Amino acid sequence: MIEYAPSGLDEAPPKLYVPVTEAHLVSKYVGTGKVRPPLNTLGGTRWAKAKEHAERAVRDVAGDLLAIQAARDSQPGHGFAPDAPWQREFEAAFIYEETPDQMRAIVETKADMERSKPWIV
C-alpha cells in the first residue's frame, strides 16, 4: 500500500494498493538527514513537475558528458608501450591463476592502454 497526501485537510489520504507480484518495484525512500519527503497528492501536478525537472536534469548531464567526450576526442592521447619482458616475468610469478574473465579484462585493459585514444564502449 502506498499512501498519498490528501487533497484536502478534511479528507482521508488516498491509498494505492500494489499487487504482490509488483511489490519488488516499490522501495522505501531513503533520503539524506532526518527530513521527511513531501507527499504528493494522487493525480496532482507536483509529481509531473518533479518528473519534468528530473528529465531536464538528465538531458543536461547527457549533454555535458557528450561535450566532455568531444573535447577528449579532439585532444592527443598517450599510448603506452607493449609489455616489456620484465613485466611478463612479473606477471608469470603471480601464484594464482586468473579466471577467464579476469584474463579477458587484463588483455582488454592493456590493449586500451596501448591506444593513443581512449576506447569508448
Protein backbone atom coordinates (compact mmCIF):
# COMPACT_ATOMS: atom_id res chain seq x y z
CA MET A 1 0.00 0.00 0.00
CA ILE A 2 1.28 3.46 -0.94
CA GLU A 3 -0.30 6.35 0.92
CA TYR A 4 -0.57 9.72 -0.80
CA ALA A 5 -1.20 13.15 0.69
CA PRO A 6 -4.90 14.05 0.93
CA SER A 7 -6.13 16.73 -1.42
CA GLY A 8 -7.90 18.49 1.46
CA LEU A 9 -7.46 18.75 5.21
CA ASP A 10 -10.77 17.04 5.95
CA GLU A 11 -10.18 14.11 3.58
CA ALA A 12 -8.56 10.76 4.27
CA PRO A 13 -5.30 10.13 2.45
CA PRO A 14 -5.83 8.12 -0.74
CA LYS A 15 -4.15 4.72 -0.84
CA LEU A 16 -2.77 2.82 -3.79
CA TYR A 17 -2.64 -0.94 -3.37
CA VAL A 18 0.20 -2.63 -5.23
CA PRO A 19 -0.18 -6.28 -6.28
CA VAL A 20 2.21 -8.64 -4.52
CA THR A 21 3.63 -9.62 -7.90
CA GLU A 22 4.71 -5.99 -8.43
CA ALA A 23 5.91 -5.31 -4.88
CA HIS A 24 9.55 -5.62 -5.93
CA LEU A 25 9.11 -2.39 -7.90
CA VAL A 26 8.38 -0.39 -4.75
CA SER A 27 11.06 0.62 -2.27
CA LYS A 28 11.20 2.88 0.74
CA TYR A 29 12.55 6.34 0.06
CA VAL A 30 15.85 6.85 1.86
CA GLY A 31 16.78 10.50 1.79
CA THR A 32 19.50 12.45 3.50
CA GLY A 33 19.20 13.57 7.06
CA LYS A 34 16.02 13.38 9.08
CA VAL A 35 13.87 15.44 6.72
CA ARG A 36 10.78 13.57 5.53
CA PRO A 37 9.96 13.95 1.82
CA PRO A 38 6.78 15.83 0.95
CA LEU A 39 3.87 13.62 -0.07
CA ASN A 40 2.28 14.22 -3.45
CA THR A 41 -1.43 14.19 -3.98
CA LEU A 42 -2.71 11.42 -6.18
CA GLY A 43 -3.46 12.99 -9.57
CA GLY A 44 -1.72 16.25 -8.59
CA THR A 45 0.67 18.30 -10.69
CA ARG A 46 3.65 18.33 -8.32
CA TRP A 47 4.74 14.81 -9.34
CA ALA A 48 4.55 15.68 -13.04
CA LYS A 49 6.65 18.80 -12.43
CA ALA A 50 9.23 16.78 -10.47
CA LYS A 51 9.46 14.26 -13.33
CA GLU A 52 9.91 17.04 -15.89
CA HIS A 53 12.63 18.60 -13.74
CA ALA A 54 14.43 15.24 -13.46
CA GLU A 55 14.17 14.65 -17.22
CA ARG A 56 15.67 18.08 -17.92
CA ALA A 57 18.50 17.38 -15.46
CA VAL A 58 19.24 14.04 -17.15
CA ARG A 59 19.34 15.73 -20.57
CA ASP A 60 21.70 18.38 -19.17
CA VAL A 61 24.04 15.73 -17.75
CA ALA A 62 23.96 13.79 -21.04
CA GLY A 63 24.82 16.98 -22.93
CA ASP A 64 27.71 17.67 -20.55
CA LEU A 65 29.01 14.12 -20.99
CA LEU A 66 28.84 14.44 -24.78
CA ALA A 67 30.74 17.75 -24.63
CA ILE A 68 33.40 16.20 -22.40
CA GLN A 69 33.76 13.23 -24.74
CA ALA A 70 34.02 15.52 -27.78
CA ALA A 71 36.77 17.51 -26.03
CA ARG A 72 38.61 14.29 -25.14
CA ASP A 73 38.36 13.04 -28.72
CA SER A 74 39.87 16.25 -30.07
CA GLN A 75 42.97 16.03 -27.84
CA PRO A 76 46.03 13.88 -28.47
CA GLY A 77 46.41 10.97 -26.09
CA HIS A 78 49.24 8.80 -24.83
CA GLY A 79 49.62 5.19 -25.81
CA PHE A 80 51.73 3.03 -23.51
CA ALA A 81 54.33 0.66 -24.90
CA PRO A 82 53.53 -3.08 -25.03
CA ASP A 83 54.65 -5.13 -22.06
CA ALA A 84 58.39 -5.48 -21.59
CA PRO A 85 60.00 -8.84 -20.77
CA TRP A 86 60.30 -7.87 -17.08
CA GLN A 87 56.53 -7.19 -16.99
CA ARG A 88 55.78 -10.66 -18.36
CA GLU A 89 58.19 -12.20 -15.81
CA PHE A 90 56.49 -10.29 -13.01
CA GLU A 91 53.05 -11.47 -14.12
CA ALA A 92 54.26 -15.07 -14.52
CA ALA A 93 55.39 -15.01 -10.87
CA PHE A 94 51.81 -14.44 -9.70
CA ILE A 95 50.91 -17.50 -7.63
CA TYR A 96 47.21 -17.58 -8.54
CA GLU A 97 45.63 -18.50 -11.83
CA GLU A 98 43.38 -15.86 -13.35
CA THR A 99 39.83 -16.75 -14.27
CA PRO A 100 38.88 -16.39 -17.95
CA ASP A 101 37.00 -13.17 -17.12
CA GLN A 102 40.00 -11.74 -15.26
CA MET A 103 42.33 -12.63 -18.12
CA ARG A 104 39.99 -11.03 -20.66
CA ALA A 105 39.82 -7.86 -18.53
CA ILE A 106 43.63 -7.74 -18.30
CA VAL A 107 44.10 -8.21 -22.05
CA GLU A 108 41.42 -5.62 -22.93
CA THR A 109 42.80 -3.09 -20.44
CA LYS A 110 46.34 -3.44 -21.79
CA ALA A 111 45.03 -3.05 -25.36
CA ASP A 112 43.20 0.12 -24.33
CA MET A 113 46.31 1.49 -22.65
CA GLU A 114 48.37 0.94 -25.82
CA ARG A 115 45.96 3.09 -27.88
CA SER A 116 46.65 6.78 -28.21
CA LYS A 117 42.94 7.49 -27.75
CA PRO A 118 40.73 6.03 -25.01
CA TRP A 119 38.39 3.27 -26.15
CA ILE A 120 34.74 4.17 -25.62
CA VAL A 121 32.16 1.44 -25.22
